[in-house]
Amino acid sequence: MTSFRERWALREDNGLSCGEALATVLRDEAIPQIVHLLDRSHLLQECRHPVLPVVRLVPLTRVEILLRVDDASNEEIESLLADVQLAGPHDDFITWTRQRLTARNSTADRAGGGVGVGDG
């Protein structure tokens, strides 16, 4: 186990080799993983993984809503909202989610030309 208080130091004679090793790890492992996790669907798959490699600070249902609120159907999001446990009286997660859905839907309506009843 390592501690967050652990300190690292480089000597003048090993700075280049340490830098090269760090660059290799970043190029070959860290950056590809970061790029992979930038895709919301990939990040959600990782969060759902039973042996979680990432630390989740909020319940999985909230993570799923956050990652899917812009592309899942209203019905799917409402179904997920049914399982959300509020953290307290000032927890406005459900309100925020519904506001986001409303904004998303109104933006989609404007982009689609706002076809209304009787328009053909």
PDB file of N, CA and C in Angstrom:
ATOM      1  N   MET A   1       0.850  -1.187   0.000  1.00  0.00           N
ATOM      2  CA  MET A   1       0.000   0.000   0.000  1.00  0.00           C
ATOM      3  C   MET A   1       0.886   1.238   0.000  1.00  0.00           C
ATOM      4  N   THR A   2       0.485   2.190  -0.800  1.00  0.00           N
ATOM      5  CA  THR A   2       1.198   3.460  -0.786  1.00  0.00           C
ATOM      6  C   THR A   2       0.325   4.499  -0.097  1.00  0.00           C
ATOM      7  N   SER A   3       0.960   5.518   0.354  1.00  0.00           N
ATOM      8  CA  SER A   3       0.273   6.579   1.068  1.00  0.00           C
ATOM      9  C   SER A   3       0.219   7.817   0.199  1.00  0.00           C
ATOM     10  N   PHE A   4      -0.857   8.596   0.340  1.00  0.00           N
ATOM     11  CA  PHE A   4      -0.928   9.853  -0.384  1.00  0.00           C
ATOM     12  C   PHE A   4       0.163  10.811   0.081  1.00  0.00           C
ATOM     13  N   ARG A   5       0.724  10.527   1.232  1.00  0.00           N
ATOM     14  CA  ARG A   5       1.766  11.394   1.761  1.00  0.00           C
ATOM     15  C   ARG A   5       3.157  10.989   1.273  1.00  0.00           C
ATOM     16  N   GLU A   6       3.235   9.926   0.501  1.00  0.00           N
ATOM     17  CA  GLU A   6       4.514   9.476  -0.017  1.00  0.00           C
ATOM     18  C   GLU A   6       5.075  10.533  -0.959  1.00  0.00           C
ATOM     19  N   ARG A   7       6.361  10.765  -0.874  1.00  0.00           N
ATOM     20  CA  ARG A   7       6.993  11.793  -1.696  1.00  0.00           C
ATOM     21  C   ARG A   7       7.991  11.131  -2.654  1.00  0.00           C
ATOM     22  N   TRP A   8       8.111  11.716  -3.805  1.00  0.00           N
ATOM     23  CA  TRP A   8       9.038  11.221  -4.810  1.00  0.00           C
ATOM     24  C   TRP A   8      10.069  12.304  -5.083  1.00  0.00           C
ATOM     25  N   ALA A   9      11.255  11.876  -5.353  1.00  0.00           N
ATOM     26  CA  ALA A   9      12.321  12.827  -5.691  1.00  0.00           C
ATOM     27  C   ALA A   9      13.170  12.219  -6.803  1.00  0.00           C
ATOM     28  N   LEU A  10      13.642  13.051  -7.678  1.00  0.00           N
ATOM     29  CA  LEU A  10      14.514  12.616  -8.760  1.00  0.00           C
ATOM     30  C   LEU A  10      15.909  13.178  -8.526  1.00  0.00           C
ATOM     31  N   ARG A  11      16.867  12.332  -8.790  1.00  0.00           N
ATOM     32  CA  ARG A  11      18.250  12.795  -8.749  1.00  0.00           C
ATOM     33  C   ARG A  11      18.614  13.312 -10.140  1.00  0.00           C
ATOM     34  N   GLU A  12      19.626  14.104 -10.209  1.00  0.00           N
ATOM     35  CA  GLU A  12      20.054  14.628 -11.505  1.00  0.00           C
ATOM     36  C   GLU A  12      20.423  13.507 -12.468  1.00  0.00           C
ATOM     37  N   ASP A  13      20.964  12.405 -11.936  1.00  0.00           N
ATOM     38  CA  ASP A  13      21.436  11.331 -12.814  1.00  0.00           C
ATOM     39  C   ASP A  13      20.337  10.385 -13.276  1.00  0.00           C
ATOM     40  N   ASN A  14      19.121  10.475 -12.724  1.00  0.00           N
ATOM     41  CA  ASN A  14      18.077   9.558 -13.189  1.00  0.00           C
ATOM     42  C   ASN A  14      16.847  10.279 -13.737  1.00  0.00           C
ATOM     43  N   GLY A  15      16.906  11.595 -13.868  1.00  0.00           N
ATOM     44  CA  GLY A  15      15.764  12.362 -14.366  1.00  0.00           C
ATOM     45  C   GLY A  15      15.337  11.951 -15.763  1.00  0.00           C
ATOM     46  N   LEU A  16      16.291  11.742 -16.663  1.00  0.00           N
ATOM     47  CA  LEU A  16      15.967  11.376 -18.034  1.00  0.00           C
ATOM     48  C   LEU A  16      15.295  10.009 -18.097  1.00  0.00           C
ATOM     49  N   SER A  17      15.859   9.019 -17.400  1.00  0.00           N
ATOM     50  CA  SER A  17      15.273   7.680 -17.455  1.00  0.00           C
ATOM     51  C   SER A  17      13.888   7.662 -16.801  1.00  0.00           C
ATOM     52  N   CYS A  18      13.708   8.420 -15.717  1.00  0.00           N
ATOM     53  CA  CYS A  18      12.378   8.483 -15.089  1.00  0.00           C
ATOM     54  C   CYS A  18      11.382   9.170 -16.014  1.00  0.00           C
ATOM     55  N   GLY A  19      11.837  10.243 -16.669  1.00  0.00           N
ATOM     56  CA  GLY A  19      10.968  10.953 -17.610  1.00  0.00           C
ATOM     57  C   GLY A  19      10.557  10.072 -18.769  1.00  0.00           C
ATOM     58  N   GLU A  20      11.494   9.292 -19.289  1.00  0.00           N
ATOM     59  CA  GLU A  20      11.182   8.378 -20.385  1.00  0.00           C
ATOM     60  C   GLU A  20      10.196   7.302 -19.947  1.00  0.00           C
ATOM     61  N   ALA A  21      10.392   6.776 -18.735  1.00  0.00           N
ATOM     62  CA  ALA A  21       9.473   5.754 -18.217  1.00  0.00           C
ATOM     63  C   ALA A  21       8.076   6.339 -18.025  1.00  0.00           C
ATOM     64  N   LEU A  22       8.009   7.546 -17.493  1.00  0.00           N
ATOM     65  CA  LEU A  22       6.717   8.198 -17.304  1.00  0.00           C
ATOM     66  C   LEU A  22       6.039   8.450 -18.645  1.00  0.00           C
ATOM     67  N   ALA A  23       6.783   8.935 -19.611  1.00  0.00           N
ATOM     68  CA  ALA A  23       6.224   9.191 -20.939  1.00  0.00           C
ATOM     69  C   ALA A  23       5.687   7.908 -21.568  1.00  0.00           C
ATOM     70  N   THR A  24       6.392   6.809 -21.380  1.00  0.00           N
ATOM     71  CA  THR A  24       5.941   5.522 -21.926  1.00  0.00           C
ATOM     72  C   THR A  24       4.634   5.086 -21.286  1.00  0.00           C
ATOM     73  N   VAL A  25       4.542   5.194 -19.977  1.00  0.00           N
ATOM     74  CA  VAL A  25       3.313   4.801 -19.279  1.00  0.00           C
ATOM     75  C   VAL A  25       2.153   5.694 -19.707  1.00  0.00           C
ATOM     76  N   LEU A  26       2.400   6.987 -19.801  1.00  0.00           N
ATOM     77  CA  LEU A  26       1.339   7.898 -20.244  1.00  0.00           C
ATOM     78  C   LEU A  26       0.880   7.558 -21.655  1.00  0.00           C
ATOM     79  N   ARG A  27       1.826   7.388 -22.574  1.00  0.00           N
ATOM     80  CA  ARG A  27       1.499   7.124 -23.981  1.00  0.00           C
ATOM     81  C   ARG A  27       0.815   5.778 -24.168  1.00  0.00           C
ATOM     82  N   ASP A  28       1.317   4.752 -23.500  1.00  0.00           N
ATOM     83  CA  ASP A  28       0.847   3.391 -23.762  1.00  0.00           C
ATOM     84  C   ASP A  28      -0.337   2.963 -22.899  1.00  0.00           C
ATOM     85  N   GLU A  29      -0.504   3.569 -21.726  1.00  0.00           N
ATOM     86  CA  GLU A  29      -1.553   3.114 -20.813  1.00  0.00           C
ATOM     87  C   GLU A  29      -2.524   4.216 -20.409  1.00  0.00           C
ATOM     88  N   ALA A  30      -2.016   5.264 -19.807  1.00  0.00           N
ATOM     89  CA  ALA A  30      -2.900   6.259 -19.193  1.00  0.00           C
ATOM     90  C   ALA A  30      -3.727   7.031 -20.217  1.00  0.00           C
ATOM     91  N   ILE A  31      -3.087   7.589 -21.235  1.00  0.00           N
ATOM     92  CA  ILE A  31      -3.825   8.398 -22.203  1.00  0.00           C
ATOM     93  C   ILE A  31      -4.841   7.568 -22.984  1.00  0.00           C
ATOM     94  N   PRO A  32      -4.509   6.362 -23.458  1.00  0.00           N
ATOM     95  CA  PRO A  32      -5.549   5.559 -24.113  1.00  0.00           C
ATOM     96  C   PRO A  32      -6.741   5.259 -23.188  1.00  0.00           C
ATOM     97  N   GLN A  33      -6.472   5.025 -21.912  1.00  0.00           N
ATOM     98  CA  GLN A  33      -7.562   4.764 -20.982  1.00  0.00           C
ATOM     99  C   GLN A  33      -8.416   6.022 -20.782  1.00  0.00           C
ATOM    100  N   ILE A  34      -7.785   7.164 -20.662  1.00  0.00           N
ATOM    101  CA  ILE A  34      -8.517   8.421 -20.512  1.00  0.00           C
ATOM    102  C   ILE A  34      -9.388   8.674 -21.742  1.00  0.00           C
ATOM    103  N   VAL A  35      -8.822   8.506 -22.921  1.00  0.00           N
ATOM    104  CA  VAL A  35      -9.584   8.708 -24.159  1.00  0.00           C
ATOM    105  C   VAL A  35     -10.776   7.748 -24.206  1.00  0.00           C
ATOM    106  N   HIS A  36     -10.556   6.508 -23.818  1.00  0.00           N
ATOM    107  CA  HIS A  36     -11.638   5.511 -23.780  1.00  0.00           C
ATOM    108  C   HIS A  36     -12.763   5.974 -22.859  1.00  0.00           C
ATOM    109  N   LEU A  37     -12.398   6.516 -21.697  1.00  0.00           N
ATOM    110  CA  LEU A  37     -13.402   6.926 -20.714  1.00  0.00           C
ATOM    111  C   LEU A  37     -14.082   8.252 -21.055  1.00  0.00           C
ATOM    112  N   LEU A  38     -13.591   8.974 -22.041  1.00  0.00           N
ATOM    113  CA  LEU A  38     -14.261  10.201 -22.474  1.00  0.00           C
ATOM    114  C   LEU A  38     -15.586   9.908 -23.168  1.00  0.00           C
ATOM    115  N   ASP A  39     -15.729   8.708 -23.685  1.00  0.00           N
ATOM    116  CA  ASP A  39     -16.998   8.289 -24.277  1.00  0.00           C
ATOM    117  C   ASP A  39     -17.933   7.879 -23.142  1.00  0.00           C
ATOM    118  N   ARG A  40     -19.093   8.529 -23.042  1.00  0.00           N
ATOM    119  CA  ARG A  40     -20.007   8.272 -21.935  1.00  0.00           C
ATOM    120  C   ARG A  40     -20.430   6.804 -21.836  1.00  0.00           C
ATOM    121  N   SER A  41     -20.652   6.151 -22.961  1.00  0.00           N
ATOM    122  CA  SER A  41     -21.073   4.749 -22.902  1.00  0.00           C
ATOM    123  C   SER A  41     -19.958   3.862 -22.352  1.00  0.00           C
ATOM    124  N   HIS A  42     -18.717   4.162 -22.709  1.00  0.00           N
ATOM    125  CA  HIS A  42     -17.586   3.389 -22.168  1.00  0.00           C
ATOM    126  C   HIS A  42     -17.433   3.636 -20.671  1.00  0.00           C
ATOM    127  N   LEU A  43     -17.572   4.891 -20.267  1.00  0.00           N
ATOM    128  CA  LEU A  43     -17.471   5.214 -18.849  1.00  0.00           C
ATOM    129  C   LEU A  43     -18.566   4.511 -18.058  1.00  0.00           C
ATOM    130  N   LEU A  44     -19.777   4.479 -18.598  1.00  0.00           N
ATOM    131  CA  LEU A  44     -20.869   3.789 -17.924  1.00  0.00           C
ATOM    132  C   LEU A  44     -20.589   2.290 -17.807  1.00  0.00           C
ATOM    133  N   GLN A  45     -20.043   1.681 -18.842  1.00  0.00           N
ATOM    134  CA  GLN A  45     -19.665   0.261 -18.771  1.00  0.00           C
ATOM    135  C   GLN A  45     -18.659   0.027 -17.660  1.00  0.00           C
ATOM    136  N   GLU A  46     -17.678   0.900 -17.546  1.00  0.00           N
ATOM    137  CA  GLU A  46     -16.672   0.755 -16.489  1.00  0.00           C
ATOM    138  C   GLU A  46     -17.301   0.913 -15.114  1.00  0.00           C
ATOM    139  N   CYS A  47     -18.223   1.852 -14.981  1.00  0.00           N
ATOM    140  CA  CYS A  47     -18.883   2.065 -13.686  1.00  0.00           C
ATOM    141  C   CYS A  47     -19.765   0.886 -13.301  1.00  0.00           C
ATOM    142  N   ARG A  48     -20.318   0.197 -14.296  1.00  0.00           N
ATOM    143  CA  ARG A  48     -21.166  -0.965 -14.027  1.00  0.00           C
ATOM    144  C   ARG A  48     -20.349  -2.221 -13.751  1.00  0.00           C
ATOM    145  N   HIS A  49     -19.065  -2.203 -14.058  1.00  0.00           N
ATOM    146  CA  HIS A  49     -18.219  -3.385 -13.929  1.00  0.00           C
ATOM    147  C   HIS A  49     -18.202  -3.847 -12.465  1.00  0.00           C
ATOM    148  N   PRO A  50     -18.356  -5.157 -12.226  1.00  0.00           N
ATOM    149  CA  PRO A  50     -18.428  -5.654 -10.844  1.00  0.00           C
ATOM    150  C   PRO A  50     -17.148  -5.437 -10.034  1.00  0.00           C
ATOM    151  N   VAL A  51     -16.011  -5.433 -10.696  1.00  0.00           N
ATOM    152  CA  VAL A  51     -14.759  -5.141 -10.014  1.00  0.00           C
ATOM    153  C   VAL A  51     -14.371  -3.735 -10.458  1.00  0.00           C
ATOM    154  N   LEU A  52     -14.903  -2.772  -9.765  1.00  0.00           N
ATOM    155  CA  LEU A  52     -14.834  -1.384 -10.180  1.00  0.00           C
ATOM    156  C   LEU A  52     -13.412  -0.827 -10.126  1.00  0.00           C
ATOM    157  N   PRO A  53     -12.850  -0.473 -11.284  1.00  0.00           N
ATOM    158  CA  PRO A  53     -11.512   0.103 -11.289  1.00  0.00           C
ATOM    159  C   PRO A  53     -11.516   1.608 -10.997  1.00  0.00           C
ATOM    160  N   VAL A  54     -12.699   2.222 -10.997  1.00  0.00           N
ATOM    161  CA  VAL A  54     -12.795   3.653 -10.694  1.00  0.00           C
ATOM    162  C   VAL A  54     -13.550   3.823  -9.384  1.00  0.00           C
ATOM    163  N   VAL A  55     -13.266   4.888  -8.710  1.00  0.00           N
ATOM    164  CA  VAL A  55     -13.945   5.176  -7.449  1.00  0.00           C
ATOM    165  C   VAL A  55     -15.216   5.951  -7.770  1.00  0.00           C
ATOM    166  N   ARG A  56     -16.321   5.419  -7.316  1.00  0.00           N
ATOM    167  CA  ARG A  56     -17.609   6.059  -7.567  1.00  0.00           C
ATOM    168  C   ARG A  56     -18.023   6.780  -6.286  1.00  0.00           C
ATOM    169  N   LEU A  57     -18.215   8.084  -6.376  1.00  0.00           N
ATOM    170  CA  LEU A  57     -18.564   8.866  -5.208  1.00  0.00           C
ATOM    171  C   LEU A  57     -20.073   9.025  -5.046  1.00  0.00           C
ATOM    172  N   VAL A  58     -20.815   8.634  -6.051  1.00  0.00           N
ATOM    173  CA  VAL A  58     -22.276   8.692  -5.995  1.00  0.00           C
ATOM    174  C   VAL A  58     -22.825   7.329  -6.403  1.00  0.00           C
ATOM    175  N   PRO A  59     -24.058   7.012  -6.024  1.00  0.00           N
ATOM    176  CA  PRO A  59     -24.639   5.713  -6.378  1.00  0.00           C
ATOM    177  C   PRO A  59     -24.709   5.515  -7.896  1.00  0.00           C
ATOM    178  N   LEU A  60     -24.659   4.259  -8.308  1.00  0.00           N
ATOM    179  CA  LEU A  60     -24.645   3.912  -9.722  1.00  0.00           C
ATOM    180  C   LEU A  60     -25.849   4.475 -10.474  1.00  0.00           C
ATOM    181  N   THR A  61     -27.016   4.491  -9.863  1.00  0.00           N
ATOM    182  CA  THR A  61     -28.203   5.025 -10.544  1.00  0.00           C
ATOM    183  C   THR A  61     -27.988   6.487 -10.930  1.00  0.00           C
ATOM    184  N   ARG A  62     -27.420   7.259 -10.031  1.00  0.00           N
ATOM    185  CA  ARG A  62     -27.151   8.664 -10.345  1.00  0.00           C
ATOM    186  C   ARG A  62     -26.096   8.787 -11.445  1.00  0.00           C
ATOM    187  N   VAL A  63     -25.080   7.958 -11.390  1.00  0.00           N
ATOM    188  CA  VAL A  63     -24.052   7.971 -12.432  1.00  0.00           C
ATOM    189  C   VAL A  63     -24.690   7.675 -13.782  1.00  0.00           C
ATOM    190  N   GLU A  64     -25.540   6.662 -13.818  1.00  0.00           N
ATOM    191  CA  GLU A  64     -26.187   6.303 -15.082  1.00  0.00           C
ATOM    192  C   GLU A  64     -27.049   7.450 -15.602  1.00  0.00           C
ATOM    193  N   ILE A  65     -27.793   8.097 -14.721  1.00  0.00           N
ATOM    194  CA  ILE A  65     -28.612   9.231 -15.148  1.00  0.00           C
ATOM    195  C   ILE A  65     -27.723  10.341 -15.698  1.00  0.00           C
ATOM    196  N   LEU A  66     -26.670  10.674 -14.986  1.00  0.00           N
ATOM    197  CA  LEU A  66     -25.771  11.737 -15.438  1.00  0.00           C
ATOM    198  C   LEU A  66     -25.163  11.438 -16.802  1.00  0.00           C
ATOM    199  N   LEU A  67     -24.806  10.186 -17.024  1.00  0.00           N
ATOM    200  CA  LEU A  67     -24.164   9.816 -18.284  1.00  0.00           C
ATOM    201  C   LEU A  67     -25.145   9.616 -19.431  1.00  0.00           C
ATOM    202  N   ARG A  68     -26.431   9.425 -19.118  1.00  0.00           N
ATOM    203  CA  ARG A  68     -27.409   9.136 -20.167  1.00  0.00           C
ATOM    204  C   ARG A  68     -28.455  10.231 -20.350  1.00  0.00           C
ATOM    205  N   VAL A  69     -28.461  11.249 -19.500  1.00  0.00           N
ATOM    206  CA  VAL A  69     -29.529  12.249 -19.513  1.00  0.00           C
ATOM    207  C   VAL A  69     -29.646  12.972 -20.854  1.00  0.00           C
ATOM    208  N   ASP A  70     -28.593  13.052 -21.611  1.00  0.00           N
ATOM    209  CA  ASP A  70     -28.647  13.760 -22.880  1.00  0.00           C
ATOM    210  C   ASP A  70     -29.028  12.892 -24.069  1.00  0.00           C
ATOM    211  N   ASP A  71     -29.085  11.564 -23.876  1.00  0.00           N
ATOM    212  CA  ASP A  71     -29.405  10.735 -25.034  1.00  0.00           C
ATOM    213  C   ASP A  71     -30.421   9.617 -24.780  1.00  0.00           C
ATOM    214  N   ALA A  72     -30.706   9.287 -23.549  1.00  0.00           N
ATOM    215  CA  ALA A  72     -31.707   8.245 -23.267  1.00  0.00           C
ATOM    216  C   ALA A  72     -33.109   8.844 -23.384  1.00  0.00           C
ATOM    217  N   SER A  73     -34.066   7.991 -23.591  1.00  0.00           N
ATOM    218  CA  SER A  73     -35.450   8.474 -23.688  1.00  0.00           C
ATOM    219  C   SER A  73     -35.922   8.992 -22.335  1.00  0.00           C
ATOM    220  N   ASN A  74     -36.929   9.852 -22.372  1.00  0.00           N
ATOM    221  CA  ASN A  74     -37.512  10.358 -21.126  1.00  0.00           C
ATOM    222  C   ASN A  74     -37.994   9.213 -20.252  1.00  0.00           C
ATOM    223  N   GLU A  75     -38.571   8.190 -20.867  1.00  0.00           N
ATOM    224  CA  GLU A  75     -39.083   7.053 -20.116  1.00  0.00           C
ATOM    225  C   GLU A  75     -37.972   6.308 -19.388  1.00  0.00           C
ATOM    226  N   GLU A  76     -36.844   6.122 -20.068  1.00  0.00           N
ATOM    227  CA  GLU A  76     -35.711   5.445 -19.430  1.00  0.00           C
ATOM    228  C   GLU A  76     -35.199   6.250 -18.234  1.00  0.00           C
ATOM    229  N   ILE A  77     -35.078   7.563 -18.413  1.00  0.00           N
ATOM    230  CA  ILE A  77     -34.581   8.403 -17.328  1.00  0.00           C
ATOM    231  C   ILE A  77     -35.578   8.429 -16.174  1.00  0.00           C
ATOM    232  N   GLU A  78     -36.862   8.547 -16.472  1.00  0.00           N
ATOM    233  CA  GLU A  78     -37.873   8.544 -15.404  1.00  0.00           C
ATOM    234  C   GLU A  78     -37.852   7.222 -14.644  1.00  0.00           C
ATOM    235  N   SER A  79     -37.631   6.128 -15.348  1.00  0.00           N
ATOM    236  CA  SER A  79     -37.535   4.821 -14.694  1.00  0.00           C
ATOM    237  C   SER A  79     -36.349   4.785 -13.731  1.00  0.00           C
ATOM    238  N   LEU A  80     -35.234   5.342 -14.159  1.00  0.00           N
ATOM    239  CA  LEU A  80     -34.061   5.407 -13.287  1.00  0.00           C
ATOM    240  C   LEU A  80     -34.308   6.332 -12.099  1.00  0.00           C
ATOM    241  N   LEU A  81     -35.000   7.439 -12.344  1.00  0.00           N
ATOM    242  CA  LEU A  81     -35.285   8.387 -11.265  1.00  0.00           C
ATOM    243  C   LEU A  81     -36.112   7.750 -10.152  1.00  0.00           C
ATOM    244  N   ALA A  82     -36.913   6.759 -10.504  1.00  0.00           N
ATOM    245  CA  ALA A  82     -37.737   6.087  -9.494  1.00  0.00           C
ATOM    246  C   ALA A  82     -36.877   5.405  -8.433  1.00  0.00           C
ATOM    247  N   ASP A  83     -35.615   5.097  -8.772  1.00  0.00           N
ATOM    248  CA  ASP A  83     -34.723   4.407  -7.835  1.00  0.00           C
ATOM    249  C   ASP A  83     -33.764   5.352  -7.106  1.00  0.00           C
ATOM    250  N   VAL A  84     -33.846   6.642  -7.380  1.00  0.00           N
ATOM    251  CA  VAL A  84     -32.931   7.594  -6.749  1.00  0.00           C
ATOM    252  C   VAL A  84     -33.354   7.846  -5.310  1.00  0.00           C
ATOM    253  N   GLN A  85     -32.395   7.698  -4.409  1.00  0.00           N
ATOM    254  CA  GLN A  85     -32.610   8.012  -3.001  1.00  0.00           C
ATOM    255  C   GLN A  85     -32.035   9.405  -2.752  1.00  0.00           C
ATOM    256  N   LEU A  86     -32.876  10.321  -2.308  1.00  0.00           N
ATOM    257  CA  LEU A  86     -32.401  11.671  -2.046  1.00  0.00           C
ATOM    258  C   LEU A  86     -31.530  11.686  -0.803  1.00  0.00           C
ATOM    259  N   ALA A  87     -30.470  12.476  -0.852  1.00  0.00           N
ATOM    260  CA  ALA A  87     -29.518  12.544   0.260  1.00  0.00           C
ATOM    261  C   ALA A  87     -30.005  13.448   1.384  1.00  0.00           C
ATOM    262  N   GLY A  88     -30.999  14.259   1.108  1.00  0.00           N
ATOM    263  CA  GLY A  88     -31.516  15.155   2.135  1.00  0.00           C
ATOM    264  C   GLY A  88     -32.491  16.142   1.526  1.00  0.00           C
ATOM    265  N   PRO A  89     -33.008  17.046   2.340  1.00  0.00           N
ATOM    266  CA  PRO A  89     -34.029  17.981   1.854  1.00  0.00           C
ATOM    267  C   PRO A  89     -33.524  18.956   0.794  1.00  0.00           C
ATOM    268  N   HIS A  90     -32.232  19.176   0.720  1.00  0.00           N
ATOM    269  CA  HIS A  90     -31.685  20.111  -0.256  1.00  0.00           C
ATOM    270  C   HIS A  90     -31.115  19.406  -1.483  1.00  0.00           C
ATOM    271  N   ASP A  91     -31.323  18.119  -1.583  1.00  0.00           N
ATOM    272  CA  ASP A  91     -30.851  17.347  -2.730  1.00  0.00           C
ATOM    273  C   ASP A  91     -31.804  17.605  -3.895  1.00  0.00           C
ATOM    274  N   ASP A  92     -31.324  18.325  -4.904  1.00  0.00           N
ATOM    275  CA  ASP A  92     -32.183  18.687  -6.033  1.00  0.00           C
ATOM    276  C   ASP A  92     -31.832  17.910  -7.305  1.00  0.00           C
ATOM    277  N   PHE A  93     -31.280  16.716  -7.127  1.00  0.00           N
ATOM    278  CA  PHE A  93     -30.863  15.911  -8.276  1.00  0.00           C
ATOM    279  C   PHE A  93     -32.029  15.587  -9.204  1.00  0.00           C
ATOM    280  N   ILE A  94     -33.159  15.196  -8.649  1.00  0.00           N
ATOM    281  CA  ILE A  94     -34.322  14.841  -9.473  1.00  0.00           C
ATOM    282  C   ILE A  94     -34.827  16.080 -10.209  1.00  0.00           C
ATOM    283  N   THR A  95     -34.903  17.200  -9.522  1.00  0.00           N
ATOM    284  CA  THR A  95     -35.333  18.451 -10.156  1.00  0.00           C
ATOM    285  C   THR A  95     -34.380  18.831 -11.277  1.00  0.00           C
ATOM    286  N   TRP A  96     -33.066  18.758 -10.995  1.00  0.00           N
ATOM    287  CA  TRP A  96     -32.073  19.078 -12.023  1.00  0.00           C
ATOM    288  C   TRP A  96     -32.242  18.180 -13.246  1.00  0.00           C
ATOM    289  N   THR A  97     -32.444  16.887 -13.006  1.00  0.00           N
ATOM    290  CA  THR A  97     -32.578  15.936 -14.115  1.00  0.00           C
ATOM    291  C   THR A  97     -33.786  16.282 -14.976  1.00  0.00           C
ATOM    292  N   ARG A  98     -34.903  16.556 -14.348  1.00  0.00           N
ATOM    293  CA  ARG A  98     -36.116  16.890 -15.118  1.00  0.00           C
ATOM    294  C   ARG A  98     -35.946  18.217 -15.857  1.00  0.00           C
ATOM    295  N   GLN A  99     -35.261  19.170 -15.263  1.00  0.00           N
ATOM    296  CA  GLN A  99     -34.986  20.431 -15.963  1.00  0.00           C
ATOM    297  C   GLN A  99     -34.088  20.180 -17.173  1.00  0.00           C
ATOM    298  N   ARG A 100     -33.118  19.307 -17.003  1.00  0.00           N
ATOM    299  CA  ARG A 100     -32.216  18.972 -18.116  1.00  0.00           C
ATOM    300  C   ARG A 100     -32.993  18.299 -19.248  1.00  0.00           C
ATOM    301  N   LEU A 101     -33.893  17.387 -18.894  1.00  0.00           N
ATOM    302  CA  LEU A 101     -34.720  16.731 -19.912  1.00  0.00           C
ATOM    303  C   LEU A 101     -35.588  17.747 -20.644  1.00  0.00           C
ATOM    304  N   THR A 102     -36.194  18.660 -19.908  1.00  0.00           N
ATOM    305  CA  THR A 102     -37.042  19.684 -20.515  1.00  0.00           C
ATOM    306  C   THR A 102     -36.224  20.552 -21.471  1.00  0.00           C
ATOM    307  N   ALA A 103     -35.046  20.967 -21.037  1.00  0.00           N
ATOM    308  CA  ALA A 103     -34.181  21.784 -21.890  1.00  0.00           C
ATOM    309  C   ALA A 103     -33.751  21.008 -23.131  1.00  0.00           C
ATOM    310  N   ARG A 104     -33.413  19.748 -22.931  1.00  0.00           N
ATOM    311  CA  ARG A 104     -32.997  18.906 -24.060  1.00  0.00           C
ATOM    312  C   ARG A 104     -34.132  18.769 -25.062  1.00  0.00           C
ATOM    313  N   ASN A 105     -35.327  18.518 -24.569  1.00  0.00           N
ATOM    314  CA  ASN A 105     -36.479  18.327 -25.451  1.00  0.00           C
ATOM    315  C   ASN A 105     -36.844  19.611 -26.179  1.00  0.00           C
ATOM    316  N   SER A 106     -36.756  20.763 -25.506  1.00  0.00           N
ATOM    317  CA  SER A 106     -37.097  22.020 -26.175  1.00  0.00           C
ATOM    318  C   SER A 106     -36.054  22.366 -27.231  1.00  0.00           C
ATOM    319  N   THR A 107     -34.786  22.035 -26.976  1.00  0.00           N
ATOM    320  CA  THR A 107     -33.736  22.255 -27.969  1.00  0.00           C
ATOM    321  C   THR A 107     -33.968  21.360 -29.180  1.00  0.00           C
ATOM    322  N   ALA A 108     -34.342  20.112 -28.937  1.00  0.00           N
ATOM    323  CA  ALA A 108     -34.613  19.178 -30.033  1.00  0.00           C
ATOM    324  C   ALA A 108     -35.825  19.640 -30.840  1.00  0.00           C
ATOM    325  N   ASP A 109     -36.844  20.164 -30.164  1.00  0.00           N
ATOM    326  CA  ASP A 109     -38.032  20.653 -30.865  1.00  0.00           C
ATOM    327  C   ASP A 109     -37.671  21.836 -31.774  1.00  0.00           C
ATOM    328  N   ARG A 110     -36.831  22.755 -31.256  1.00  0.00           N
ATOM    329  CA  ARG A 110     -36.439  23.909 -32.067  1.00  0.00           C
ATOM    330  C   ARG A 110     -35.582  23.463 -33.253  1.00  0.00           C
ATOM    331  N   ALA A 111     -34.711  22.509 -33.038  1.00  0.00           N
ATOM    332  CA  ALA A 111     -33.834  22.035 -34.122  1.00  0.00           C
ATOM    333  C   ALA A 111     -34.635  21.283 -35.172  1.00  0.00           C
ATOM    334  N   GLY A 112     -35.698  20.618 -34.729  1.00  0.00           N
ATOM    335  CA  GLY A 112     -36.523  19.847 -35.663  1.00  0.00           C
ATOM    336  C   GLY A 112     -37.549  20.679 -36.390  1.00  0.00           C
ATOM    337  N   GLY A 113     -37.553  21.964 -36.162  1.00  0.00           N
ATOM    338  CA  GLY A 113     -38.475  22.816 -36.882  1.00  0.00           C
ATOM    339  C   GLY A 113     -39.739  23.109 -36.106  1.00  0.00           C
ATOM    340  N   GLY A 114     -39.873  22.488 -34.917  1.00  0.00           N
ATOM    341  CA  GLY A 114     -41.034  22.783 -34.086  1.00  0.00           C
ATOM    342  C   GLY A 114     -42.344  22.379 -34.709  1.00  0.00           C
ATOM    343  N   VAL A 115     -42.402  21.225 -35.330  1.00  0.00           N
ATOM    344  CA  VAL A 115     -43.628  20.757 -35.949  1.00  0.00           C
ATOM    345  C   VAL A 115     -44.689  20.578 -34.888  1.00  0.00           C
ATOM    346  N   GLY A 116     -45.806  21.202 -35.064  1.00  0.00           N
ATOM    347  CA  GLY A 116     -46.886  21.128 -34.089  1.00  0.00           C
ATOM    348  C   GLY A 116     -48.065  20.344 -34.620  1.00  0.00           C
ATOM    349  N   VAL A 117     -49.127  20.307 -33.825  1.00  0.00           N
ATOM    350  CA  VAL A 117     -50.351  19.610 -34.211  1.00  0.00           C
ATOM    351  C   VAL A 117     -50.921  20.300 -35.436  1.00  0.00           C
ATOM    352  N   GLY A 118     -51.267  19.508 -36.424  1.00  0.00           N
ATOM    353  CA  GLY A 118     -51.862  20.046 -37.631  1.00  0.00           C
ATOM    354  C   GLY A 118     -50.856  20.422 -38.703  1.00  0.00           C
ATOM    355  N   ASP A 119     -49.556  20.454 -38.335  1.00  0.00           N
ATOM    356  CA  ASP A 119     -48.515  20.739 -39.328  1.00  0.00           C
ATOM    357  C   ASP A 119     -48.212  19.468 -40.077  1.00  0.00           C
ATOM    358  N   GLY A 120     -47.919  19.576 -41.317  1.00  0.00           N
ATOM    359  CA  GLY A 120     -47.710  18.356 -42.041  1.00  0.00           C
ATOM    360  C   GLY A 120     -46.512  18.346 -42.846  1.00  0.00           C
TER     361      GLY A 120
END
